[in-house]
Amino acid sequence: MSLYGDQEQTFSVNREGLLRELDKILPDDALLYEREDLTPYECDGLSAYRQLPMVVAIPSTIDQVQAIMRICYERDVPVVARGAGTGLSGGALPHHQGVLLSLARFKSILDIDTRNRTAVVQPGVRNLAITEAAARHRLYYAPDPSSQIACSIGGNVAENSGGVHCLKYGLTVHNILKLKMVTVEGELITIGSDALDSAGYDLLALMTGSEGMLGVIVEVTVKLLPTPERAQVILAAFDDVEKAGAAVGDIIAEGIIPAGLEMMDRLAIQAAEDFVHAGYPLDAEAILLCEVDGTNEEVSDHIAAVRNVLTRSGATEVRTARDEAERANFWQGRKAAFPAVGRISPDYYCMDGTIPRKHLPEVLRGISELSQEYGLRVANVFHAGDGNLHPLILYDANREGELEKTEAFGGKILELCVEVGGTITGEHGVGMEKINQMCVQFQSAELTQFHAVKHAFDEKGLLNPGKAVPTLHRCAEFGAMHVHHGKLPFPELERF
């Protein structure tokens, strides 16, 4: 792919020949090509963009994955790997000339090593299933995206997912030790090791967050942590969103690193409370959920300190969970915020940007101003502790032009994040959704290096083509337009 060409790379694929080759290595139920069978794979969690793949392959062994990749490499067929399909940036959007490679049947936990506190899992294993399996050993897997009940660990690695507890325990990249992956040529390689470090370049970090553009992950070794002796949550209500944002920095400045520090604004609070009855104060403009964990003594000291900070920061109410049931209830409301907001609007568009904590009040004010400018409501739900914002823009796709207006609004939020020293994604990835904003965050020299890395792993550009990293030509066009008008990167995509 030329760095200065169009974003889409064209392929010439002999569909019948490809099907004959794939049919030799896959059972009948693992090869889909009829329209009604392909439709469930037309999008991921970002349903605004939809595209039918040419073929869906559903292997169940590493040998089959290798064979599929060899066939596709020899025939110059693009491949898009897919996990649970819960991604929110269009990263698993199929290619109309390619194979959608589903890893849904790779769902076994292969080993739990209690001495070394690790688990070896296949990429289709659900995030929450790892903790459920490790719980009898008093261990757990720390990264916990809101979709953890459904999202798969392979997708977590591809997007470098975080979650409620990433402030203290880190993102996916901080919680894995080793990957096995199949290259675009069909070779099986191991990256990382069972030790805490390994020699050579840090390819483990490179693969984490690479959005399926460098290889196909077929096995993951994750770190497990001991279950804390105690965990307790404080709920603090505020009569002003900016006060709540400022309180986040105040807690960290006190020298306390909470296990989780989450924020929700009034609209999100009301939606979540109506949905799961978590006990949230409906008159609050914003709430903070702050969880501390550790030994009994440590938690007691930190709870007292956090309560004092929140009171000084202007909280109108500070409530400590009385028991494990109330703690779980507080978190249930936060975890259910996304589906809850779906009950109050025909559609919503979930954004994902990250900013320095000190700019939270400023950015929240900017989002409010943009909301008025575009005439669209926003429910703010985010990982406040690490500055990972998830504004949910409420809209109605059935109204002409409203999706385009929503996308433009979302683009402005991401550009605001960059303006204050942040980044356009925290855990959802770039995918199709944020490819224009990559042009805002990075210069041509940086993008050229990204393409060079891609070329080193995937010379033909077959893995998840057209995603995550824009061409310089595209950035020149975007710079000329300055504002994203909803024009789709792939002209053959249908708009829904």
Protein backbone atom coordinates (compact mmCIF):
# COMPACT_ATOMS: atom_id res chain seq x y z
CA MET A 1 0.00 0.00 0.00
CA SER A 2 1.33 3.40 -0.92
CA LEU A 3 1.43 5.80 1.98
CA TYR A 4 0.15 8.50 -0.34
CA GLY A 5 -2.62 6.51 -1.98
CA ASP A 6 -6.31 6.24 -1.11
CA GLN A 7 -7.25 4.78 2.25
CA GLU A 8 -8.82 1.70 0.72
CA GLN A 9 -6.58 -0.94 -0.81
CA THR A 10 -8.21 -2.85 -3.66
CA PHE A 11 -8.01 -6.61 -3.96
CA SER A 12 -8.91 -9.00 -6.73
CA VAL A 13 -10.20 -12.20 -5.16
CA ASN A 14 -11.41 -15.38 -6.87
CA ARG A 15 -14.28 -16.19 -4.50
CA GLU A 16 -15.04 -19.67 -5.81
CA GLY A 17 -11.38 -20.68 -5.78
CA LEU A 18 -11.01 -19.36 -2.25
CA LEU A 19 -14.06 -21.29 -1.05
CA ARG A 20 -12.73 -24.52 -2.58
CA GLU A 21 -9.42 -24.12 -0.74
CA LEU A 22 -11.04 -23.25 2.59
CA ASP A 23 -13.52 -26.12 2.23
CA LYS A 24 -10.59 -28.56 2.25
CA ILE A 25 -9.50 -27.55 5.76
CA LEU A 26 -12.75 -26.56 7.52
CA PRO A 27 -15.90 -28.56 8.33
CA ASP A 28 -19.17 -27.45 6.74
CA ASP A 29 -20.38 -25.56 9.82
CA ALA A 30 -17.14 -23.57 10.00
CA LEU A 31 -17.37 -21.97 6.55
CA LEU A 32 -20.15 -19.46 5.90
CA TYR A 33 -20.84 -17.76 2.59
CA GLU A 34 -24.61 -17.40 2.13
CA ARG A 35 -26.00 -13.92 2.80
CA GLU A 36 -28.24 -14.97 5.70
CA ASP A 37 -25.25 -16.61 7.39
CA LEU A 38 -22.99 -13.61 6.84
CA THR A 39 -25.38 -10.96 8.18
CA PRO A 40 -24.64 -11.52 11.91
CA TYR A 41 -21.03 -10.57 11.18
CA GLU A 42 -21.71 -7.34 9.28
CA CYS A 43 -20.62 -5.05 12.14
CA ASP A 44 -19.24 -4.96 15.66
CA GLY A 45 -20.64 -2.83 18.50
CA LEU A 46 -20.44 0.25 16.27
CA SER A 47 -23.50 -0.59 14.19
CA ALA A 48 -23.49 2.69 12.24
CA TYR A 49 -21.07 1.03 9.78
CA ARG A 50 -22.07 -2.32 8.27
CA GLN A 51 -20.52 -4.47 5.58
CA LEU A 52 -21.02 -8.11 4.65
CA PRO A 53 -17.80 -10.13 4.43
CA MET A 54 -17.14 -12.33 1.42
CA VAL A 55 -16.63 -15.38 3.64
CA VAL A 56 -16.70 -16.18 7.36
CA ALA A 57 -14.26 -18.82 8.59
CA ILE A 58 -14.68 -20.23 12.10
CA PRO A 59 -11.63 -22.40 12.91
CA SER A 60 -11.34 -24.37 16.12
CA THR A 61 -7.61 -25.21 16.08
CA ILE A 62 -4.37 -23.29 15.63
CA ASP A 63 -3.50 -25.53 12.68
CA GLN A 64 -6.69 -24.41 10.94
CA VAL A 65 -5.88 -20.74 11.60
CA GLN A 66 -2.43 -21.25 10.11
CA ALA A 67 -3.86 -22.98 7.06
CA ILE A 68 -6.42 -20.20 6.52
CA MET A 69 -3.72 -17.55 6.75
CA ARG A 70 -1.47 -19.40 4.28
CA ILE A 71 -4.30 -19.66 1.76
CA CYS A 72 -5.22 -15.99 2.14
CA TYR A 73 -1.57 -14.91 1.89
CA GLU A 74 -1.01 -16.89 -1.30
CA ARG A 75 -4.21 -15.54 -2.86
CA ASP A 76 -3.83 -11.93 -1.60
CA VAL A 77 -7.08 -12.13 0.36
CA PRO A 78 -7.64 -9.64 3.21
CA VAL A 79 -8.39 -11.07 6.65
CA VAL A 80 -10.24 -9.41 9.53
CA ALA A 81 -9.99 -11.26 12.85
CA ARG A 82 -13.05 -11.05 15.12
CA GLY A 83 -13.63 -11.97 18.75
CA ALA A 84 -16.92 -11.40 20.54
CA GLY A 85 -17.80 -8.41 18.35
CA THR A 86 -18.29 -6.05 21.31
CA GLY A 87 -15.79 -3.46 20.03
CA LEU A 88 -17.03 0.11 19.64
CA SER A 89 -14.79 1.57 16.95
CA GLY A 90 -15.53 -0.58 13.89
CA GLY A 91 -12.28 -2.49 14.34
CA ALA A 92 -13.92 -5.80 13.43
CA LEU A 93 -15.84 -4.39 10.46
CA PRO A 94 -15.50 -6.99 7.68
CA HIS A 95 -13.87 -6.37 4.32
CA HIS A 96 -16.20 -6.99 1.38
CA GLN A 97 -13.41 -8.74 -0.55
CA GLY A 98 -12.07 -10.76 2.34
CA VAL A 99 -12.35 -13.41 5.03
CA LEU A 100 -13.86 -12.64 8.42
CA LEU A 101 -11.87 -14.90 10.75
CA SER A 102 -13.96 -15.64 13.84
CA LEU A 103 -12.13 -16.95 16.90
CA ALA A 104 -15.34 -17.68 18.80
CA ARG A 105 -14.50 -21.39 19.15
CA PHE A 106 -11.20 -20.67 20.90
CA LYS A 107 -12.90 -20.49 24.30
CA SER A 108 -10.91 -22.77 26.60
CA ILE A 109 -8.97 -21.86 29.72
CA LEU A 110 -5.93 -24.07 29.17
CA ASP A 111 -4.17 -23.68 32.51
CA ILE A 112 -4.26 -21.81 35.82
CA ASP A 113 -0.88 -21.70 37.57
CA THR A 114 -1.55 -20.67 41.16
CA ARG A 115 2.13 -20.57 42.14
CA ASN A 116 3.08 -18.15 39.39
CA ARG A 117 -0.36 -16.50 39.41
CA THR A 118 -0.95 -16.84 35.69
CA ALA A 119 -3.59 -18.28 33.40
CA VAL A 120 -3.18 -19.51 29.84
CA VAL A 121 -6.33 -18.87 27.85
CA GLN A 122 -7.56 -18.98 24.28
CA PRO A 123 -8.58 -15.66 22.69
CA GLY A 124 -12.32 -16.42 22.68
CA VAL A 125 -12.49 -16.75 26.48
CA ARG A 126 -14.70 -14.09 28.04
CA ASN A 127 -12.95 -11.58 30.26
CA LEU A 128 -15.14 -12.35 33.26
CA ALA A 129 -14.75 -16.12 32.79
CA ILE A 130 -11.06 -15.83 33.74
CA THR A 131 -11.89 -14.34 37.12
CA GLU A 132 -14.72 -16.83 37.63
CA ALA A 133 -12.32 -19.72 37.01
CA ALA A 134 -9.60 -18.25 39.23
CA ALA A 135 -11.89 -17.26 42.09
CA ARG A 136 -11.65 -20.62 43.89
CA HIS A 137 -7.90 -19.97 44.18
CA ARG A 138 -8.62 -16.47 45.59
CA LEU A 139 -7.20 -14.93 42.43
CA TYR A 140 -8.69 -12.67 39.77
CA TYR A 141 -7.90 -10.92 36.47
CA ALA A 142 -7.79 -7.16 37.02
CA PRO A 143 -8.80 -5.46 33.72
CA ASP A 144 -12.61 -5.31 33.74
CA PRO A 145 -14.25 -3.47 30.81
CA SER A 146 -17.94 -2.73 31.24
CA SER A 147 -18.60 -5.42 28.63
CA GLN A 148 -16.58 -8.00 30.58
CA ILE A 149 -19.50 -10.40 30.78
CA ALA A 150 -19.35 -10.74 26.97
CA CYS A 151 -16.07 -9.37 25.58
CA SER A 152 -13.24 -11.80 24.79
CA ILE A 153 -9.64 -11.64 25.95
CA GLY A 154 -8.34 -11.64 22.37
CA GLY A 155 -10.32 -8.50 21.66
CA ASN A 156 -9.10 -7.00 24.94
CA VAL A 157 -5.52 -7.50 23.76
CA ALA A 158 -6.30 -6.11 20.30
CA GLU A 159 -7.75 -2.91 21.77
CA ASN A 160 -5.69 -2.74 25.00
CA SER A 161 -8.87 -2.62 27.07
CA GLY A 162 -8.99 -1.17 30.56
CA GLY A 163 -12.02 -0.92 32.80
CA VAL A 164 -13.02 0.29 36.22
CA HIS A 165 -9.89 -0.99 37.98
CA CYS A 166 -7.27 0.13 35.47
CA LEU A 167 -6.26 3.19 37.54
CA LYS A 168 -4.53 1.02 40.14
CA TYR A 169 -3.90 -2.20 38.24
CA GLY A 170 -3.28 -1.04 34.69
CA LEU A 171 -4.60 -1.81 31.22
CA THR A 172 -4.43 -5.12 29.38
CA VAL A 173 -0.81 -4.43 28.39
CA HIS A 174 0.17 -4.38 32.06
CA ASN A 175 -1.59 -7.67 32.81
CA ILE A 176 -0.33 -10.09 30.17
CA LEU A 177 2.96 -11.97 29.91
CA LYS A 178 2.91 -13.87 26.65
CA LEU A 179 1.08 -14.22 23.36
CA LYS A 180 1.02 -16.85 20.69
CA MET A 181 0.10 -15.41 17.33
CA VAL A 182 -0.17 -16.49 13.73
CA THR A 183 1.52 -14.20 11.23
CA VAL A 184 0.02 -13.14 7.94
CA GLU A 185 2.12 -15.86 6.25
CA GLY A 186 0.69 -18.53 8.58
CA GLU A 187 3.67 -18.94 10.92
CA LEU A 188 3.08 -19.52 14.64
CA ILE A 189 5.29 -17.35 16.86
CA THR A 190 5.53 -16.63 20.59
CA ILE A 191 5.93 -13.10 21.91
CA GLY A 192 6.89 -12.43 25.53
CA SER A 193 7.62 -15.17 28.07
CA ASP A 194 6.45 -16.68 31.34
CA ALA A 195 9.03 -14.51 33.12
CA LEU A 196 8.36 -10.88 34.03
CA ASP A 197 10.52 -9.71 31.13
CA SER A 198 12.02 -11.13 27.97
CA ALA A 199 14.96 -10.24 25.76
CA GLY A 200 14.74 -8.19 22.60
CA TYR A 201 12.29 -5.54 21.48
CA ASP A 202 9.07 -5.24 23.49
CA LEU A 203 6.84 -6.78 20.83
CA LEU A 204 4.30 -7.74 23.50
CA ALA A 205 3.46 -4.07 24.01
CA LEU A 206 3.47 -3.53 20.25
CA MET A 207 0.92 -6.30 19.70
CA THR A 208 -1.31 -5.05 22.52
CA GLY A 209 -3.55 -2.43 20.98
CA SER A 210 -2.53 -3.24 17.40
CA GLU A 211 -6.17 -3.84 16.42
CA GLY A 212 -5.60 -7.04 14.44
CA MET A 213 -3.27 -5.34 11.97
CA LEU A 214 -0.08 -7.24 12.80
CA GLY A 215 -1.13 -10.83 13.47
CA VAL A 216 -3.85 -13.17 14.72
CA ILE A 217 -3.69 -13.92 18.46
CA VAL A 218 -4.40 -17.56 19.29
CA GLU A 219 -3.28 -17.83 22.94
CA VAL A 220 -2.76 -15.40 25.82
CA THR A 221 -0.95 -15.80 29.14
CA VAL A 222 -2.42 -13.36 31.65
CA LYS A 223 -1.34 -12.31 35.13
CA LEU A 224 -3.63 -13.07 38.06
CA LEU A 225 -3.75 -11.06 41.28
CA PRO A 226 -4.67 -12.13 44.81
CA THR A 227 -8.20 -11.19 45.79
CA PRO A 228 -7.90 -8.23 48.19
CA GLU A 229 -8.70 -8.85 51.84
CA ARG A 230 -11.27 -6.07 51.65
CA ALA A 231 -12.72 -3.68 49.10
CA GLN A 232 -15.09 -0.82 49.85
CA VAL A 233 -16.80 1.83 47.74
CA ILE A 234 -17.68 5.43 48.50
CA LEU A 235 -20.42 7.21 46.55
CA ALA A 236 -20.12 11.00 46.51
CA ALA A 237 -22.80 13.28 45.06
CA PHE A 238 -22.09 16.76 43.68
CA ASP A 239 -24.32 19.65 42.65
CA ASP A 240 -21.88 20.63 39.89
CA VAL A 241 -20.16 18.45 37.28
CA GLU A 242 -16.98 20.51 37.31
CA LYS A 243 -16.67 20.15 41.09
CA ALA A 244 -16.85 16.37 40.68
CA GLY A 245 -14.16 16.53 38.01
CA ALA A 246 -11.90 18.60 40.25
CA ALA A 247 -12.42 16.18 43.15
CA VAL A 248 -10.82 13.40 41.10
CA GLY A 249 -7.50 15.25 41.11
CA ASP A 250 -7.90 16.07 44.78
CA ILE A 251 -8.12 12.38 45.70
CA ILE A 252 -4.99 11.47 43.72
CA ALA A 253 -3.14 14.48 45.15
CA GLU A 254 -3.81 13.08 48.61
CA GLY A 255 -1.48 10.20 47.74
CA ILE A 256 -4.26 7.62 47.43
CA ILE A 257 -4.53 5.44 44.32
CA PRO A 258 -8.05 4.02 44.35
CA ALA A 259 -8.75 0.63 42.82
CA GLY A 260 -11.46 2.38 40.82
CA LEU A 261 -12.58 5.99 40.43
CA GLU A 262 -15.59 6.49 38.17
CA MET A 263 -17.82 9.45 37.35
CA MET A 264 -21.36 9.75 35.97
CA ASP A 265 -23.34 12.90 35.21
CA ARG A 266 -27.02 13.58 35.86
CA LEU A 267 -28.37 12.04 32.67
CA ALA A 268 -26.34 8.86 33.13
CA ILE A 269 -27.30 8.67 36.83
CA GLN A 270 -31.00 8.87 36.06
CA ALA A 271 -30.80 6.29 33.27
CA ALA A 272 -28.83 3.83 35.40
CA GLU A 273 -31.06 4.27 38.44
CA ASP A 274 -34.22 3.70 36.41
CA PHE A 275 -32.65 0.57 34.92
CA VAL A 276 -30.99 -1.24 37.87
CA HIS A 277 -32.11 0.71 40.99
CA ALA A 278 -28.59 1.06 42.34
CA GLY A 279 -29.57 3.62 44.99
CA TYR A 280 -28.07 6.63 43.19
CA PRO A 281 -29.19 10.14 44.27
CA LEU A 282 -31.40 11.42 41.46
CA ASP A 283 -30.97 15.09 42.40
CA ALA A 284 -27.18 15.03 41.92
CA GLU A 285 -25.56 16.69 38.92
CA ALA A 286 -22.73 14.14 39.12
CA ILE A 287 -21.54 11.26 41.27
CA LEU A 288 -18.14 9.77 41.90
CA LEU A 289 -17.66 6.10 42.78
CA CYS A 290 -14.35 5.58 44.54
CA GLU A 291 -13.25 2.08 45.51
CA VAL A 292 -10.25 1.33 47.71
CA ASP A 293 -8.93 -2.15 48.38
CA GLY A 294 -6.17 -3.89 50.32
CA THR A 295 -5.84 -5.00 53.93
CA ASN A 296 -8.54 -4.16 56.46
CA GLU A 297 -6.36 -1.51 58.12
CA GLU A 298 -5.31 0.05 54.82
CA VAL A 299 -8.88 0.27 53.55
CA SER A 300 -10.13 1.83 56.78
CA ASP A 301 -7.45 4.53 56.66
CA HIS A 302 -8.05 5.28 52.98
CA ILE A 303 -11.83 5.37 53.31
CA ALA A 304 -11.54 8.00 56.05
CA ALA A 305 -9.06 10.04 54.00
CA VAL A 306 -11.19 9.90 50.84
CA ARG A 307 -14.32 10.96 52.73
CA ASN A 308 -12.46 14.01 54.05
CA VAL A 309 -11.19 14.92 50.59
CA LEU A 310 -14.63 14.60 49.03
CA THR A 311 -16.22 16.74 51.72
CA ARG A 312 -13.58 19.45 51.23
CA SER A 313 -14.10 19.24 47.47
CA GLY A 314 -17.76 20.19 47.78
CA ALA A 315 -19.62 16.87 47.82
CA THR A 316 -23.23 17.33 48.94
CA GLU A 317 -23.47 13.72 50.09
CA VAL A 318 -20.86 11.06 50.87
CA ARG A 319 -22.07 7.49 51.33
CA THR A 320 -19.94 4.42 52.12
CA ALA A 321 -21.21 1.01 51.01
CA ARG A 322 -22.36 -0.79 54.14
CA ASP A 323 -21.67 -4.29 52.91
CA GLU A 324 -20.63 -6.34 49.88
CA ALA A 325 -24.17 -6.35 48.49
CA GLU A 326 -24.36 -2.54 48.45
CA ARG A 327 -20.86 -2.32 46.97
CA ALA A 328 -21.93 -4.65 44.15
CA ASN A 329 -25.10 -2.60 43.66
CA PHE A 330 -23.14 0.65 43.28
CA TRP A 331 -20.95 -0.95 40.63
CA GLN A 332 -23.90 -2.61 38.89
CA GLY A 333 -25.29 0.82 38.11
CA ARG A 334 -22.00 1.94 36.61
CA LYS A 335 -21.50 -1.27 34.63
CA ALA A 336 -25.04 -1.03 33.27
CA ALA A 337 -24.77 2.64 32.29
CA PHE A 338 -24.35 2.00 28.56
CA PRO A 339 -27.42 -0.24 28.14
CA ALA A 340 -29.32 2.03 30.51
CA VAL A 341 -28.73 5.04 28.28
CA GLY A 342 -29.96 2.93 25.35
CA ARG A 343 -33.37 2.90 27.03
CA ILE A 344 -33.77 6.71 26.89
CA SER A 345 -32.70 7.34 23.30
CA PRO A 346 -33.32 5.59 19.97
CA ASP A 347 -29.54 5.57 19.38
CA TYR A 348 -26.38 6.68 21.12
CA TYR A 349 -22.81 7.12 19.95
CA CYS A 350 -20.15 6.12 22.49
CA MET A 351 -16.97 8.16 22.30
CA ASP A 352 -13.61 7.26 23.84
CA GLY A 353 -10.85 9.75 24.54
CA THR A 354 -8.31 10.23 27.32
CA ILE A 355 -7.07 13.45 28.91
CA PRO A 356 -4.78 14.51 31.77
CA ARG A 357 -6.85 14.48 34.98
CA LYS A 358 -6.19 18.16 35.69
CA HIS A 359 -8.15 19.09 32.57
CA LEU A 360 -11.33 17.18 33.51
CA PRO A 361 -13.34 20.28 34.53
CA GLU A 362 -12.27 22.16 31.40
CA VAL A 363 -13.11 19.30 29.04
CA LEU A 364 -16.45 18.58 30.70
CA ARG A 365 -17.32 22.25 30.24
CA GLY A 366 -16.24 22.02 26.59
CA ILE A 367 -18.43 18.94 26.01
CA SER A 368 -21.40 20.78 27.53
CA GLU A 369 -20.83 23.73 25.19
CA LEU A 370 -20.56 21.42 22.18
CA SER A 371 -23.76 19.69 23.26
CA GLN A 372 -25.59 23.01 23.09
CA GLU A 373 -23.93 23.90 19.78
CA TYR A 374 -24.99 20.65 18.10
CA GLY A 375 -28.35 20.38 19.85
CA LEU A 376 -27.67 16.83 21.06
CA ARG A 377 -27.77 15.53 24.62
CA VAL A 378 -24.72 13.85 26.16
CA ALA A 379 -24.54 11.37 29.03
CA ASN A 380 -21.04 11.35 30.53
CA VAL A 381 -19.83 8.04 31.96
CA PHE A 382 -16.10 7.54 32.35
CA HIS A 383 -13.05 6.22 34.14
CA ALA A 384 -12.33 9.49 35.91
CA GLY A 385 -9.19 8.30 37.67
CA ASP A 386 -7.19 7.79 34.49
CA GLY A 387 -8.99 10.47 32.47
CA ASN A 388 -10.64 8.02 30.06
CA LEU A 389 -13.84 9.72 28.88
CA HIS A 390 -16.87 7.92 27.45
CA PRO A 391 -19.36 10.63 26.45
CA LEU A 392 -22.53 9.03 25.06
CA ILE A 393 -24.09 11.28 22.40
CA LEU A 394 -27.84 10.67 22.16
CA TYR A 395 -29.37 10.88 18.69
CA ASP A 396 -31.96 9.36 16.35
CA ALA A 397 -30.53 7.71 13.22
CA ASN A 398 -33.99 7.86 11.61
CA ARG A 399 -33.76 11.64 11.41
CA GLU A 400 -32.04 12.71 8.24
CA GLY A 401 -28.53 14.06 8.81
CA GLU A 402 -28.52 13.39 12.56
CA LEU A 403 -25.92 10.60 12.44
CA GLU A 404 -23.59 12.82 10.41
CA LYS A 405 -24.09 15.64 12.93
CA THR A 406 -23.40 13.19 15.76
CA GLU A 407 -20.16 12.02 14.14
CA ALA A 408 -19.03 15.60 13.68
CA PHE A 409 -19.83 16.30 17.35
CA GLY A 410 -17.86 13.21 18.40
CA GLY A 411 -14.91 14.28 16.29
CA LYS A 412 -14.88 17.66 18.04
CA ILE A 413 -14.78 15.94 21.44
CA LEU A 414 -11.75 13.90 20.37
CA GLU A 415 -10.02 16.98 18.99
CA LEU A 416 -10.68 18.72 22.32
CA CYS A 417 -8.96 15.80 24.07
CA VAL A 418 -5.88 16.23 21.85
CA GLU A 419 -5.93 19.99 22.41
CA VAL A 420 -5.43 19.58 26.18
CA GLY A 421 -2.63 17.03 25.79
CA GLY A 422 -4.71 13.85 25.66
CA THR A 423 -5.33 11.18 23.06
CA ILE A 424 -8.20 10.10 20.82
CA THR A 425 -8.64 6.68 22.42
CA GLY A 426 -8.20 5.11 25.80
CA GLU A 427 -9.40 1.55 25.25
CA HIS A 428 -11.81 1.32 22.31
CA GLY A 429 -9.19 1.63 19.60
CA VAL A 430 -9.20 3.69 16.42
CA GLY A 431 -10.76 1.22 14.00
CA MET A 432 -12.88 2.96 11.38
CA GLU A 433 -14.41 5.48 13.76
CA LYS A 434 -11.46 7.71 14.67
CA ILE A 435 -9.26 7.42 11.61
CA ASN A 436 -9.71 11.10 10.71
CA GLN A 437 -8.75 12.19 14.22
CA MET A 438 -5.48 10.26 13.87
CA CYS A 439 -4.60 13.03 11.43
CA VAL A 440 -5.13 15.56 14.21
CA GLN A 441 -3.05 13.76 16.80
CA PHE A 442 -0.07 12.69 14.67
CA GLN A 443 2.19 14.34 12.14
CA SER A 444 3.15 12.81 8.79
CA ALA A 445 6.52 11.57 10.09
CA GLU A 446 4.82 9.65 12.90
CA LEU A 447 2.20 8.16 10.58
CA THR A 448 4.96 7.10 8.20
CA GLN A 449 6.60 5.16 11.05
CA PHE A 450 3.29 3.50 11.91
CA HIS A 451 2.98 2.35 8.30
CA ALA A 452 6.58 1.10 8.40
CA VAL A 453 5.75 -1.10 11.41
CA LYS A 454 2.66 -2.40 9.63
CA HIS A 455 4.74 -3.14 6.53
CA ALA A 456 7.31 -5.09 8.57
CA PHE A 457 4.61 -7.47 9.83
CA ASP A 458 2.25 -7.40 6.84
CA GLU A 459 3.98 -6.42 3.61
CA LYS A 460 0.89 -7.02 1.46
CA GLY A 461 -1.44 -5.11 3.77
CA LEU A 462 -3.85 -8.04 4.16
CA LEU A 463 -4.56 -7.84 7.89
CA ASN A 464 -7.52 -5.60 8.76
CA PRO A 465 -6.79 -3.21 5.88
CA GLY A 466 -7.91 0.40 5.97
CA LYS A 467 -8.21 0.59 9.74
CA ALA A 468 -6.48 2.51 12.56
CA VAL A 469 -3.70 4.29 10.62
CA PRO A 470 -4.69 6.75 7.88
CA THR A 471 -2.72 7.29 4.71
CA LEU A 472 -1.00 10.63 4.30
CA HIS A 473 -3.27 11.31 1.34
CA ARG A 474 -6.32 10.89 3.56
CA CYS A 475 -4.87 13.24 6.16
CA ALA A 476 -4.20 15.85 3.50
CA GLU A 477 -7.85 15.63 2.44
CA PHE A 478 -9.04 15.81 6.04
CA GLY A 479 -6.82 18.81 6.67
CA ALA A 480 -8.33 20.56 3.68
CA MET A 481 -11.87 19.84 4.89
CA HIS A 482 -10.91 20.50 8.53
CA VAL A 483 -14.24 19.12 9.66
CA HIS A 484 -15.32 15.48 9.28
CA HIS A 485 -18.60 15.49 7.33
CA GLY A 486 -19.47 11.83 7.84
CA LYS A 487 -17.90 10.68 4.59
CA LEU A 488 -17.20 6.96 4.86
CA PRO A 489 -13.64 5.72 4.27
CA PHE A 490 -14.98 2.77 2.22
CA PRO A 491 -17.41 4.01 -0.45
CA GLU A 492 -19.19 0.66 -0.71
CA LEU A 493 -20.29 0.72 2.96
CA GLU A 494 -23.98 1.04 3.57
CA ARG A 495 -25.16 3.73 5.95
CA PHE A 496 -27.72 2.66 8.55
